[in-house]
């Protein structure tokens, strides 16, 4: 194994997207605990920072009714609806023996995310995702030993996938996250040749999940944890 390539287990990480979203309200402690109970080896969420500096897990980043919606960044943590957990509450409820993929929706949350993860001894299991490659590069030294993930599309790779894979390796970005429809066995092999992890999101149907696993992808994001776990079990037999 190339020493520049941070190692995973032999099996793909099975990320429960926003928790077990197909089975419970997304981004709630109920969904996260259920995802792990169903066999997910990773959890996924989006992270924001409140006005009083608390990192919290929510998709849209706004609270309130239709006509009085406020960004989470303008609200103190004590004012949030009870279904929105903090990152610390997630670790308190679920521990940290799983991969945790966080889309950093508010870059101001990054330092607090890392502080909380370190306080729980969870940095080695942390995957930080963002579409801005330059911003990810600026987090490299700050974030070690967490993994950095470039969430992008093939069409955004101006000079092609091979050049992009080389750029990720040079910048110390550990992984690329593409929509499942953009992956092929050839693309997985290409990024592996540059010792980068390959992650596929929005894998909801059995045929899609199965295809990604057969390609040898390193991580799958799905709302349907039961399907994903069953197919991964079959794939390893």
C-alpha atoms as a PDB file:
ATOM      1  CA  UNK A   1       0.000   0.000   0.000  1.00  0.00           C
ATOM      2  CA  UNK A   2       1.282   3.455  -0.898  1.00  0.00           C
ATOM      3  CA  UNK A   3       2.175   5.222   2.389  1.00  0.00           C
ATOM      4  CA  UNK A   4       0.466   8.369   1.070  1.00  0.00           C
ATOM      5  CA  UNK A   5      -2.827   6.482   0.907  1.00  0.00           C
ATOM      6  CA  UNK A   6      -4.640   6.537   4.270  1.00  0.00           C
ATOM      7  CA  UNK A   7      -5.991   3.042   4.800  1.00  0.00           C
ATOM      8  CA  UNK A   8      -9.575   1.877   5.265  1.00  0.00           C
ATOM      9  CA  UNK A   9     -11.019  -1.457   6.110  1.00  0.00           C
ATOM     10  CA  UNK A  10     -11.340  -3.798   3.144  1.00  0.00           C
ATOM     11  CA  UNK A  11     -15.080  -3.137   2.910  1.00  0.00           C
ATOM     12  CA  UNK A  12     -16.668   0.090   1.734  1.00  0.00           C
ATOM     13  CA  UNK A  13     -17.883   2.473   4.426  1.00  0.00           C
ATOM     14  CA  UNK A  14     -21.685   2.372   4.506  1.00  0.00           C
ATOM     15  CA  UNK A  15     -22.802   5.915   5.305  1.00  0.00           C
ATOM     16  CA  UNK A  16     -26.348   6.400   6.589  1.00  0.00           C
ATOM     17  CA  UNK A  17     -27.310   9.611   4.772  1.00  0.00           C
ATOM     18  CA  UNK A  18     -28.689  12.077   7.329  1.00  0.00           C
ATOM     19  CA  UNK A  19     -29.039   9.000   9.526  1.00  0.00           C
ATOM     20  CA  UNK A  20     -31.447   6.262   8.508  1.00  0.00           C
ATOM     21  CA  UNK A  21     -33.458   8.852   6.615  1.00  0.00           C
ATOM     22  CA  UNK A  22     -35.756   6.347   4.922  1.00  0.00           C
ATOM     23  CA  UNK A  23     -36.809   5.022   8.314  1.00  0.00           C
ATOM     24  CA  UNK A  24     -36.810   8.018  10.694  1.00  0.00           C
ATOM     25  CA  UNK A  25     -36.855  11.850  10.601  1.00  0.00           C
ATOM     26  CA  UNK A  26     -33.570  12.924   9.033  1.00  0.00           C
ATOM     27  CA  UNK A  27     -30.731  14.488  11.008  1.00  0.00           C
ATOM     28  CA  UNK A  28     -32.238  13.487  14.350  1.00  0.00           C
ATOM     29  CA  UNK A  29     -30.611  11.423  17.066  1.00  0.00           C
ATOM     30  CA  UNK A  30     -33.319   8.839  16.409  1.00  0.00           C
ATOM     31  CA  UNK A  31     -32.224   8.538  12.767  1.00  0.00           C
ATOM     32  CA  UNK A  32     -28.516   8.371  13.627  1.00  0.00           C
ATOM     33  CA  UNK A  33     -28.906   5.703  16.300  1.00  0.00           C
ATOM     34  CA  UNK A  34     -31.217   3.688  14.046  1.00  0.00           C
ATOM     35  CA  UNK A  35     -28.734   3.880  11.178  1.00  0.00           C
ATOM     36  CA  UNK A  36     -26.013   2.349  13.331  1.00  0.00           C
ATOM     37  CA  UNK A  37     -28.414  -0.248  14.717  1.00  0.00           C
ATOM     38  CA  UNK A  38     -29.296  -1.307  11.160  1.00  0.00           C
ATOM     39  CA  UNK A  39     -25.614  -1.896  10.428  1.00  0.00           C
ATOM     40  CA  UNK A  40     -24.289   1.345   8.906  1.00  0.00           C
ATOM     41  CA  UNK A  41     -20.563   1.766   9.455  1.00  0.00           C
ATOM     42  CA  UNK A  42     -20.744   5.512   8.913  1.00  0.00           C
ATOM     43  CA  UNK A  43     -23.103   8.439   9.438  1.00  0.00           C
ATOM     44  CA  UNK A  44     -23.553  11.539   7.261  1.00  0.00           C
ATOM     45  CA  UNK A  45     -24.925  14.964   8.050  1.00  0.00           C
ATOM     46  CA  UNK A  46     -24.597  18.693   7.345  1.00  0.00           C
ATOM     47  CA  UNK A  47     -23.098  21.006   9.947  1.00  0.00           C
ATOM     48  CA  UNK A  48     -23.781  24.652  10.782  1.00  0.00           C
ATOM     49  CA  UNK A  49     -22.675  26.998  13.558  1.00  0.00           C
ATOM     50  CA  UNK A  50     -25.118  28.828  15.842  1.00  0.00           C
ATOM     51  CA  UNK A  51     -24.828  32.429  16.976  1.00  0.00           C
ATOM     52  CA  UNK A  52     -23.314  31.237  20.266  1.00  0.00           C
ATOM     53  CA  UNK A  53     -20.755  29.000  18.536  1.00  0.00           C
ATOM     54  CA  UNK A  54     -22.302  25.530  18.769  1.00  0.00           C
ATOM     55  CA  UNK A  55     -21.872  23.100  15.856  1.00  0.00           C
ATOM     56  CA  UNK A  56     -25.270  21.596  15.012  1.00  0.00           C
ATOM     57  CA  UNK A  57     -26.557  19.059  12.488  1.00  0.00           C
ATOM     58  CA  UNK A  58     -29.265  20.113  10.034  1.00  0.00           C
ATOM     59  CA  UNK A  59     -29.753  20.039   6.275  1.00  0.00           C
ATOM     60  CA  UNK A  60     -31.278  23.411   5.364  1.00  0.00           C
ATOM     61  CA  UNK A  61     -29.621  25.621   7.966  1.00  0.00           C
ATOM     62  CA  UNK A  62     -32.767  27.618   8.699  1.00  0.00           C
ATOM     63  CA  UNK A  63     -35.381  27.414  11.445  1.00  0.00           C
ATOM     64  CA  UNK A  64     -38.844  28.833  11.993  1.00  0.00           C
ATOM     65  CA  UNK A  65     -42.147  28.887  10.134  1.00  0.00           C
ATOM     66  CA  UNK A  66     -42.798  29.775   6.520  1.00  0.00           C
ATOM     67  CA  UNK A  67     -42.850  33.541   7.094  1.00  0.00           C
ATOM     68  CA  UNK A  68     -40.349  33.817   9.947  1.00  0.00           C
ATOM     69  CA  UNK A  69     -37.438  31.682   8.889  1.00  0.00           C
ATOM     70  CA  UNK A  70     -34.018  32.502  10.315  1.00  0.00           C
ATOM     71  CA  UNK A  71     -30.581  31.173   9.468  1.00  0.00           C
ATOM     72  CA  UNK A  72     -29.118  28.979  12.182  1.00  0.00           C
ATOM     73  CA  UNK A  73     -26.129  31.327  12.345  1.00  0.00           C
ATOM     74  CA  UNK A  74     -28.417  34.024  13.774  1.00  0.00           C
ATOM     75  CA  UNK A  75     -29.966  31.834  16.489  1.00  0.00           C
ATOM     76  CA  UNK A  76     -28.525  30.717  19.827  1.00  0.00           C
ATOM     77  CA  UNK A  77     -28.371  26.971  20.374  1.00  0.00           C
ATOM     78  CA  UNK A  78     -30.909  27.091  23.213  1.00  0.00           C
ATOM     79  CA  UNK A  79     -33.466  28.579  20.813  1.00  0.00           C
ATOM     80  CA  UNK A  80     -33.257  25.753  18.269  1.00  0.00           C
ATOM     81  CA  UNK A  81     -36.051  23.194  17.860  1.00  0.00           C
ATOM     82  CA  UNK A  82     -35.350  20.111  19.987  1.00  0.00           C
ATOM     83  CA  UNK A  83     -35.010  17.817  16.973  1.00  0.00           C
ATOM     84  CA  UNK A  84     -31.795  19.559  15.829  1.00  0.00           C
ATOM     85  CA  UNK A  85     -28.872  17.933  17.670  1.00  0.00           C
ATOM     86  CA  UNK A  86     -25.459  19.382  18.302  1.00  0.00           C
ATOM     87  CA  UNK A  87     -22.388  17.494  17.164  1.00  0.00           C
ATOM     88  CA  UNK A  88     -21.499  16.911  20.817  1.00  0.00           C
ATOM     89  CA  UNK A  89     -24.934  15.377  21.432  1.00  0.00           C
ATOM     90  CA  UNK A  90     -24.394  13.012  18.518  1.00  0.00           C
ATOM     91  CA  UNK A  91     -21.119  11.777  20.023  1.00  0.00           C
ATOM     92  CA  UNK A  92     -22.680  11.527  23.477  1.00  0.00           C
ATOM     93  CA  UNK A  93     -25.545   9.433  22.104  1.00  0.00           C
ATOM     94  CA  UNK A  94     -23.727   7.298  19.527  1.00  0.00           C
ATOM     95  CA  UNK A  95     -20.079   7.260  20.604  1.00  0.00           C
ATOM     96  CA  UNK A  96     -17.450   7.612  17.894  1.00  0.00           C
ATOM     97  CA  UNK A  97     -16.697   4.089  16.647  1.00  0.00           C
ATOM     98  CA  UNK A  98     -17.945   4.831  13.129  1.00  0.00           C
ATOM     99  CA  UNK A  99     -16.955   7.067  10.229  1.00  0.00           C
ATOM    100  CA  UNK A 100     -18.672  10.455  10.346  1.00  0.00           C
ATOM    101  CA  UNK A 101     -19.004  12.432   7.103  1.00  0.00           C
ATOM    102  CA  UNK A 102     -19.941  16.080   7.584  1.00  0.00           C
ATOM    103  CA  UNK A 103     -20.797  18.513   4.810  1.00  0.00           C
ATOM    104  CA  UNK A 104     -19.451  21.810   6.143  1.00  0.00           C
ATOM    105  CA  UNK A 105     -22.282  24.095   5.059  1.00  0.00           C
ATOM    106  CA  UNK A 106     -20.949  27.037   7.085  1.00  0.00           C
ATOM    107  CA  UNK A 107     -17.131  27.225   6.944  1.00  0.00           C
ATOM    108  CA  UNK A 108     -17.233  29.142  10.233  1.00  0.00           C
ATOM    109  CA  UNK A 109     -18.184  25.830  11.853  1.00  0.00           C
ATOM    110  CA  UNK A 110     -14.922  24.088  10.930  1.00  0.00           C
ATOM    111  CA  UNK A 111     -12.816  24.901  13.965  1.00  0.00           C
ATOM    112  CA  UNK A 112     -15.638  24.071  16.371  1.00  0.00           C
ATOM    113  CA  UNK A 113     -16.295  20.766  14.574  1.00  0.00           C
ATOM    114  CA  UNK A 114     -12.648  19.827  14.994  1.00  0.00           C
ATOM    115  CA  UNK A 115     -12.592  20.948  18.626  1.00  0.00           C
ATOM    116  CA  UNK A 116     -15.621  18.806  19.470  1.00  0.00           C
ATOM    117  CA  UNK A 117     -14.308  15.805  17.540  1.00  0.00           C
ATOM    118  CA  UNK A 118     -10.958  16.025  19.331  1.00  0.00           C
ATOM    119  CA  UNK A 119     -12.661  16.234  22.719  1.00  0.00           C
ATOM    120  CA  UNK A 120     -14.345  12.883  21.971  1.00  0.00           C
ATOM    121  CA  UNK A 121     -11.228  11.310  20.422  1.00  0.00           C
ATOM    122  CA  UNK A 122     -13.070  11.123  17.100  1.00  0.00           C
ATOM    123  CA  UNK A 123     -10.879  13.018  14.607  1.00  0.00           C
ATOM    124  CA  UNK A 124      -9.505   9.898  12.926  1.00  0.00           C
ATOM    125  CA  UNK A 125     -13.067   8.864  12.050  1.00  0.00           C
ATOM    126  CA  UNK A 126     -14.034  12.287  10.676  1.00  0.00           C
ATOM    127  CA  UNK A 127     -14.539  13.101   6.976  1.00  0.00           C
ATOM    128  CA  UNK A 128     -14.966  16.819   6.171  1.00  0.00           C
ATOM    129  CA  UNK A 129     -16.659  17.547   2.832  1.00  0.00           C
ATOM    130  CA  UNK A 130     -16.839  20.743   0.788  1.00  0.00           C
ATOM    131  CA  UNK A 131     -17.083  21.694  -2.914  1.00  0.00           C
ATOM    132  CA  UNK A 132     -14.454  24.471  -2.693  1.00  0.00           C
ATOM    133  CA  UNK A 133     -11.056  22.877  -3.279  1.00  0.00           C
ATOM    134  CA  UNK A 134      -9.069  25.911  -2.172  1.00  0.00           C
ATOM    135  CA  UNK A 135     -11.006  26.058   1.089  1.00  0.00           C
ATOM    136  CA  UNK A 136     -10.340  22.363   1.689  1.00  0.00           C
ATOM    137  CA  UNK A 137      -6.627  22.926   1.099  1.00  0.00           C
ATOM    138  CA  UNK A 138      -6.641  25.679   3.733  1.00  0.00           C
ATOM    139  CA  UNK A 139      -7.976  23.162   6.270  1.00  0.00           C
ATOM    140  CA  UNK A 140      -5.286  20.529   5.679  1.00  0.00           C
ATOM    141  CA  UNK A 141      -2.929  21.255   8.566  1.00  0.00           C
ATOM    142  CA  UNK A 142      -5.715  22.429  10.857  1.00  0.00           C
ATOM    143  CA  UNK A 143      -7.732  19.261  10.380  1.00  0.00           C
ATOM    144  CA  UNK A 144      -5.225  16.400  10.745  1.00  0.00           C
ATOM    145  CA  UNK A 145      -5.880  13.486  11.194  1.00  0.00           C
ATOM    146  CA  UNK A 146      -9.400  14.018   9.814  1.00  0.00           C
ATOM    147  CA  UNK A 147      -9.909  13.212   6.118  1.00  0.00           C
ATOM    148  CA  UNK A 148     -10.817  15.897   3.611  1.00  0.00           C
ATOM    149  CA  UNK A 149     -13.309  15.187   0.836  1.00  0.00           C
ATOM    150  CA  UNK A 150     -13.862  17.159  -2.374  1.00  0.00           C
ATOM    151  CA  UNK A 151     -17.560  17.013  -3.217  1.00  0.00           C
ATOM    152  CA  UNK A 152     -17.814  17.811  -6.906  1.00  0.00           C
ATOM    153  CA  UNK A 153     -19.031  16.681 -10.338  1.00  0.00           C
ATOM    154  CA  UNK A 154     -17.118  15.374 -13.321  1.00  0.00           C
ATOM    155  CA  UNK A 155     -18.241  18.383 -15.355  1.00  0.00           C
ATOM    156  CA  UNK A 156     -16.538  20.674 -12.824  1.00  0.00           C
ATOM    157  CA  UNK A 157     -13.139  19.016 -13.414  1.00  0.00           C
ATOM    158  CA  UNK A 158     -11.811  21.494 -15.972  1.00  0.00           C
ATOM    159  CA  UNK A 159      -8.864  19.399 -17.073  1.00  0.00           C
ATOM    160  CA  UNK A 160     -10.418  15.964 -16.680  1.00  0.00           C
ATOM    161  CA  UNK A 161     -10.554  13.315 -13.978  1.00  0.00           C
ATOM    162  CA  UNK A 162      -6.911  12.246 -14.193  1.00  0.00           C
ATOM    163  CA  UNK A 163      -5.588  15.773 -13.751  1.00  0.00           C
ATOM    164  CA  UNK A 164      -8.066  16.305 -10.930  1.00  0.00           C
ATOM    165  CA  UNK A 165      -6.963  13.144  -9.127  1.00  0.00           C
ATOM    166  CA  UNK A 166      -3.343  14.319  -9.357  1.00  0.00           C
ATOM    167  CA  UNK A 167      -4.347  17.723  -8.017  1.00  0.00           C
ATOM    168  CA  UNK A 168      -6.123  16.142  -5.036  1.00  0.00           C
ATOM    169  CA  UNK A 169      -3.064  14.088  -4.178  1.00  0.00           C
ATOM    170  CA  UNK A 170      -0.759  17.097  -4.447  1.00  0.00           C
ATOM    171  CA  UNK A 171      -3.066  19.149  -2.225  1.00  0.00           C
ATOM    172  CA  UNK A 172      -3.436  16.404   0.383  1.00  0.00           C
ATOM    173  CA  UNK A 173      -7.181  16.026  -0.197  1.00  0.00           C
ATOM    174  CA  UNK A 174      -7.996  12.429   0.706  1.00  0.00           C
ATOM    175  CA  UNK A 175     -11.163  11.687  -1.259  1.00  0.00           C
ATOM    176  CA  UNK A 176     -13.507  12.663  -4.043  1.00  0.00           C
ATOM    177  CA  UNK A 177     -17.277  12.436  -3.666  1.00  0.00           C
ATOM    178  CA  UNK A 178     -19.354  12.149  -6.854  1.00  0.00           C
ATOM    179  CA  UNK A 179     -22.966  11.401  -7.627  1.00  0.00           C
ATOM    180  CA  UNK A 180     -23.409   7.661  -8.142  1.00  0.00           C
ATOM    181  CA  UNK A 181     -24.241   8.183 -11.838  1.00  0.00           C
ATOM    182  CA  UNK A 182     -20.755   9.575 -12.497  1.00  0.00           C
ATOM    183  CA  UNK A 183     -18.851   6.554 -11.225  1.00  0.00           C
ATOM    184  CA  UNK A 184     -17.622   3.663 -13.323  1.00  0.00           C
ATOM    185  CA  UNK A 185     -15.122   0.931 -12.551  1.00  0.00           C
ATOM    186  CA  UNK A 186     -12.622   2.844 -14.679  1.00  0.00           C
ATOM    187  CA  UNK A 187     -13.104   6.068 -12.728  1.00  0.00           C
ATOM    188  CA  UNK A 188     -12.695   4.241  -9.395  1.00  0.00           C
ATOM    189  CA  UNK A 189      -9.484   2.638 -10.658  1.00  0.00           C
ATOM    190  CA  UNK A 190      -8.187   5.998 -11.866  1.00  0.00           C
ATOM    191  CA  UNK A 191      -8.610   7.719  -8.497  1.00  0.00           C
ATOM    192  CA  UNK A 192      -7.192   4.698  -6.692  1.00  0.00           C
ATOM    193  CA  UNK A 193      -4.134   4.929  -8.922  1.00  0.00           C
ATOM    194  CA  UNK A 194      -3.617   8.375  -7.431  1.00  0.00           C
ATOM    195  CA  UNK A 195      -4.288   6.913  -3.972  1.00  0.00           C
ATOM    196  CA  UNK A 196      -7.491   8.884  -3.388  1.00  0.00           C
ATOM    197  CA  UNK A 197     -10.653   7.493  -1.791  1.00  0.00           C
ATOM    198  CA  UNK A 198     -13.809   7.270  -3.896  1.00  0.00           C
ATOM    199  CA  UNK A 199     -17.245   8.056  -2.445  1.00  0.00           C
ATOM    200  CA  UNK A 200     -20.647   7.856  -4.150  1.00  0.00           C
ATOM    201  CA  UNK A 201     -23.775   9.662  -2.974  1.00  0.00           C
ATOM    202  CA  UNK A 202     -27.525   9.353  -3.611  1.00  0.00           C
ATOM    203  CA  UNK A 203     -27.365   5.556  -3.917  1.00  0.00           C
ATOM    204  CA  UNK A 204     -30.968   4.643  -3.137  1.00  0.00           C
ATOM    205  CA  UNK A 205     -31.860   1.627  -5.249  1.00  0.00           C
ATOM    206  CA  UNK A 206     -30.468  -1.876  -4.952  1.00  0.00           C
ATOM    207  CA  UNK A 207     -29.069  -1.864  -8.488  1.00  0.00           C
ATOM    208  CA  UNK A 208     -27.257   1.422  -7.818  1.00  0.00           C
ATOM    209  CA  UNK A 209     -25.809   0.373  -4.471  1.00  0.00           C
ATOM    210  CA  UNK A 210     -24.792  -3.012  -5.860  1.00  0.00           C
ATOM    211  CA  UNK A 211     -23.085  -1.454  -8.872  1.00  0.00           C
ATOM    212  CA  UNK A 212     -21.018   0.892  -6.704  1.00  0.00           C
ATOM    213  CA  UNK A 213     -19.921  -1.943  -4.441  1.00  0.00           C
ATOM    214  CA  UNK A 214     -18.940  -4.053  -7.431  1.00  0.00           C
ATOM    215  CA  UNK A 215     -16.784  -1.197  -8.726  1.00  0.00           C
ATOM    216  CA  UNK A 216     -14.757  -1.292  -5.508  1.00  0.00           C
ATOM    217  CA  UNK A 217     -15.824   2.137  -4.307  1.00  0.00           C
ATOM    218  CA  UNK A 218     -14.652   3.141  -0.817  1.00  0.00           C
ATOM    219  CA  UNK A 219     -17.861   4.651   0.534  1.00  0.00           C
ATOM    220  CA  UNK A 220     -21.574   4.704  -0.279  1.00  0.00           C
ATOM    221  CA  UNK A 221     -24.168   7.213   0.938  1.00  0.00           C
ATOM    222  CA  UNK A 222     -27.776   5.991   1.116  1.00  0.00           C
ATOM    223  CA  UNK A 223     -31.051   6.784   2.881  1.00  0.00           C
ATOM    224  CA  UNK A 224     -31.888   3.056   2.783  1.00  0.00           C
ATOM    225  CA  UNK A 225     -29.485   1.566   5.289  1.00  0.00           C
ATOM    226  CA  UNK A 226     -31.179  -1.848   5.270  1.00  0.00           C
ATOM    227  CA  UNK A 227     -30.681  -2.252   1.491  1.00  0.00           C
ATOM    228  CA  UNK A 228     -27.121  -1.023   1.658  1.00  0.00           C
ATOM    229  CA  UNK A 229     -26.134  -3.344   4.513  1.00  0.00           C
ATOM    230  CA  UNK A 230     -27.786  -6.384   2.892  1.00  0.00           C
ATOM    231  CA  UNK A 231     -26.037  -5.775  -0.439  1.00  0.00           C
ATOM    232  CA  UNK A 232     -22.665  -5.193   1.213  1.00  0.00           C
ATOM    233  CA  UNK A 233     -23.079  -8.470   3.072  1.00  0.00           C
ATOM    234  CA  UNK A 234     -23.817 -10.291  -0.182  1.00  0.00           C
ATOM    235  CA  UNK A 235     -20.862  -8.605  -1.875  1.00  0.00           C
ATOM    236  CA  UNK A 236     -18.452  -9.804   0.827  1.00  0.00           C
ATOM    237  CA  UNK A 237     -19.638 -13.468   0.688  1.00  0.00           C
END
